[in-house]
Amino acid sequence: MKHRLSEFVVGALFGFGLLISGMTNPAKVVGFLDIAGTWDPSLAFVMGGAIAVAVGAFAIAKRRTKDFFGGDMRWPTATRIDTRLVLGSIAFGAGWGLAGFCPGPALVSLAAGVPKAFLFVVSMLVGMALFEIIERRLGKQF
């Protein structure tokens, strides 16, 4: 139960941060990505703040062997940059640039009743399902 409560609190804090920073506003996101036009650099400060917090948190976490609830610390084992990572990054960036949403802000906007977010989230879920189907049929070849 402690885990679920902490997950809820952290998720709510993250969602609130996305709202107040403007990350749930597709026009603001597209303005940030439009470096050749009317560039809005304000989200760079949001990202910079997030990176600063993450660097500190990871520095502390790497020195620990147990999480705050006594569970083992588990770190990712993959370190290789491969085709799947590059193609996934390109797809993520293209979707973010075209729609002005990435998954976290889209879910927050969906909860706020934004119709465009509904279409994005449904499309994202369909894309994830298609990926799973293709990966099962082809194996991890790509």
Protein backbone atom coordinates (compact mmCIF):
# COMPACT_ATOMS: atom_id res chain seq x y z
CA MET A 1 0.00 0.00 0.00
CA LYS A 2 2.89 2.37 0.77
CA HIS A 3 4.19 1.90 -2.78
CA ARG A 4 0.84 2.78 -4.34
CA LEU A 5 0.44 5.89 -2.21
CA SER A 6 3.94 7.12 -3.05
CA GLU A 7 3.34 6.36 -6.75
CA PHE A 8 0.12 8.37 -6.64
CA VAL A 9 1.75 11.32 -4.88
CA VAL A 10 4.74 11.38 -7.25
CA GLY A 11 2.44 11.02 -10.29
CA ALA A 12 0.16 13.82 -9.09
CA LEU A 13 3.16 16.07 -8.43
CA PHE A 14 4.53 15.28 -11.90
CA GLY A 15 1.16 15.99 -13.53
CA PHE A 16 0.81 19.27 -11.64
CA GLY A 17 4.31 20.27 -12.74
CA LEU A 18 3.40 19.51 -16.36
CA LEU A 19 0.31 21.72 -16.04
CA ILE A 20 1.99 24.74 -14.47
CA SER A 21 5.01 24.54 -16.79
CA GLY A 22 2.90 24.63 -19.95
CA MET A 23 3.99 21.17 -21.16
CA THR A 24 0.32 20.20 -21.62
CA ASN A 25 -0.23 23.07 -24.07
CA PRO A 26 0.56 21.77 -27.59
CA ALA A 27 0.97 25.32 -28.95
CA LYS A 28 3.66 26.05 -26.35
CA VAL A 29 5.45 22.77 -27.13
CA VAL A 30 5.36 23.39 -30.89
CA GLY A 31 6.62 26.94 -30.21
CA PHE A 32 9.56 25.45 -28.31
CA LEU A 33 10.33 23.02 -31.13
CA ASP A 34 10.06 25.73 -33.83
CA ILE A 35 13.65 26.99 -33.60
CA ALA A 36 13.54 28.43 -37.13
CA GLY A 37 10.35 30.42 -36.50
CA THR A 38 8.89 32.02 -33.40
CA TRP A 39 10.91 30.00 -30.92
CA ASP A 40 9.66 29.96 -27.32
CA PRO A 41 12.63 28.98 -25.12
CA SER A 42 10.63 28.82 -21.86
CA LEU A 43 10.35 25.01 -21.89
CA ALA A 44 14.15 24.80 -22.01
CA PHE A 45 14.13 26.12 -18.44
CA VAL A 46 11.55 23.49 -17.46
CA MET A 47 13.72 20.76 -18.97
CA GLY A 48 16.86 22.22 -17.42
CA GLY A 49 15.22 22.21 -13.99
CA ALA A 50 14.08 18.61 -14.48
CA ILE A 51 17.56 17.54 -15.52
CA ALA A 52 19.11 19.27 -12.49
CA VAL A 53 16.71 17.48 -10.13
CA ALA A 54 17.28 14.13 -11.89
CA VAL A 55 21.08 14.43 -11.76
CA GLY A 56 20.93 14.99 -8.01
CA ALA A 57 18.39 12.23 -7.45
CA PHE A 58 20.39 9.72 -9.50
CA ALA A 59 23.60 10.64 -7.69
CA ILE A 60 21.91 9.82 -4.38
CA ALA A 61 20.16 6.72 -5.72
CA LYS A 62 23.35 5.21 -7.15
CA ARG A 63 24.87 5.13 -3.67
CA ARG A 64 21.92 3.17 -2.29
CA THR A 65 21.34 -0.58 -2.39
CA LYS A 66 17.71 -0.45 -1.21
CA ASP A 67 14.83 1.85 -2.13
CA PHE A 68 12.93 3.83 0.50
CA PHE A 69 10.59 0.87 1.13
CA GLY A 70 13.34 -1.73 1.50
CA GLY A 71 13.23 -3.18 -2.02
CA ASP A 72 16.36 -3.82 -4.07
CA MET A 73 17.50 -1.02 -6.36
CA ARG A 74 17.22 -2.16 -9.98
CA TRP A 75 19.04 -0.36 -12.75
CA PRO A 76 18.69 -0.80 -16.52
CA THR A 77 21.22 -3.18 -18.01
CA ALA A 78 21.00 -2.09 -21.67
CA THR A 79 23.75 0.36 -22.62
CA ARG A 80 24.01 -0.13 -26.39
CA ILE A 81 22.67 2.41 -28.89
CA ASP A 82 20.99 0.23 -31.51
CA THR A 83 18.57 0.56 -34.42
CA ARG A 84 15.52 0.04 -32.22
CA LEU A 85 16.57 2.88 -29.91
CA VAL A 86 17.31 5.27 -32.78
CA LEU A 87 14.08 4.48 -34.66
CA GLY A 88 12.04 4.73 -31.48
CA SER A 89 13.61 8.10 -30.67
CA ILE A 90 12.84 9.38 -34.16
CA ALA A 91 9.21 8.20 -33.92
CA PHE A 92 8.84 9.76 -30.46
CA GLY A 93 10.29 13.09 -31.60
CA ALA A 94 8.21 13.16 -34.79
CA GLY A 95 5.02 12.45 -32.84
CA TRP A 96 5.89 15.10 -30.27
CA GLY A 97 6.60 17.67 -32.99
CA LEU A 98 3.49 16.90 -35.03
CA ALA A 99 0.99 16.67 -32.19
CA GLY A 100 2.60 18.88 -29.55
CA PHE A 101 2.14 16.09 -26.99
CA CYS A 102 4.36 13.46 -25.49
CA PRO A 103 2.82 10.65 -23.40
CA GLY A 104 2.92 12.25 -19.93
CA PRO A 105 1.42 15.63 -20.87
CA ALA A 106 -1.08 13.87 -23.15
CA LEU A 107 -2.40 11.83 -20.22
CA VAL A 108 -2.66 14.95 -18.06
CA SER A 109 -4.50 16.76 -20.87
CA LEU A 110 -6.76 13.73 -21.36
CA ALA A 111 -7.70 13.88 -17.67
CA ALA A 112 -8.46 17.58 -18.17
CA GLY A 113 -10.86 16.71 -21.02
CA VAL A 114 -8.85 18.03 -23.98
CA PRO A 115 -10.29 16.38 -27.15
CA LYS A 116 -6.98 16.48 -29.06
CA ALA A 117 -5.36 14.58 -26.18
CA PHE A 118 -7.97 11.81 -26.52
CA LEU A 119 -7.07 11.34 -30.19
CA PHE A 120 -3.35 11.37 -29.37
CA VAL A 121 -3.66 8.83 -26.54
CA VAL A 122 -5.81 6.48 -28.64
CA SER A 123 -3.32 6.76 -31.51
CA MET A 124 -0.44 6.15 -29.12
CA LEU A 125 -2.10 3.02 -27.72
CA VAL A 126 -2.84 1.71 -31.23
CA GLY A 127 0.79 2.32 -32.21
CA MET A 128 2.01 0.47 -29.12
CA ALA A 129 -0.28 -2.46 -29.88
CA LEU A 130 0.88 -2.58 -33.52
CA PHE A 131 4.50 -2.57 -32.36
CA GLU A 132 3.83 -5.52 -30.05
CA ILE A 133 2.11 -7.46 -32.85
CA ILE A 134 4.92 -6.77 -35.33
CA GLU A 135 7.63 -7.58 -32.79
CA ARG A 136 6.00 -10.91 -31.93
CA ARG A 137 5.72 -11.85 -35.60
CA LEU A 138 9.20 -10.74 -36.64
CA GLY A 139 11.04 -11.28 -33.39
CA LYS A 140 13.53 -8.68 -32.22
CA GLN A 141 15.09 -8.33 -35.66
CA PHE A 142 14.77 -4.59 -36.06
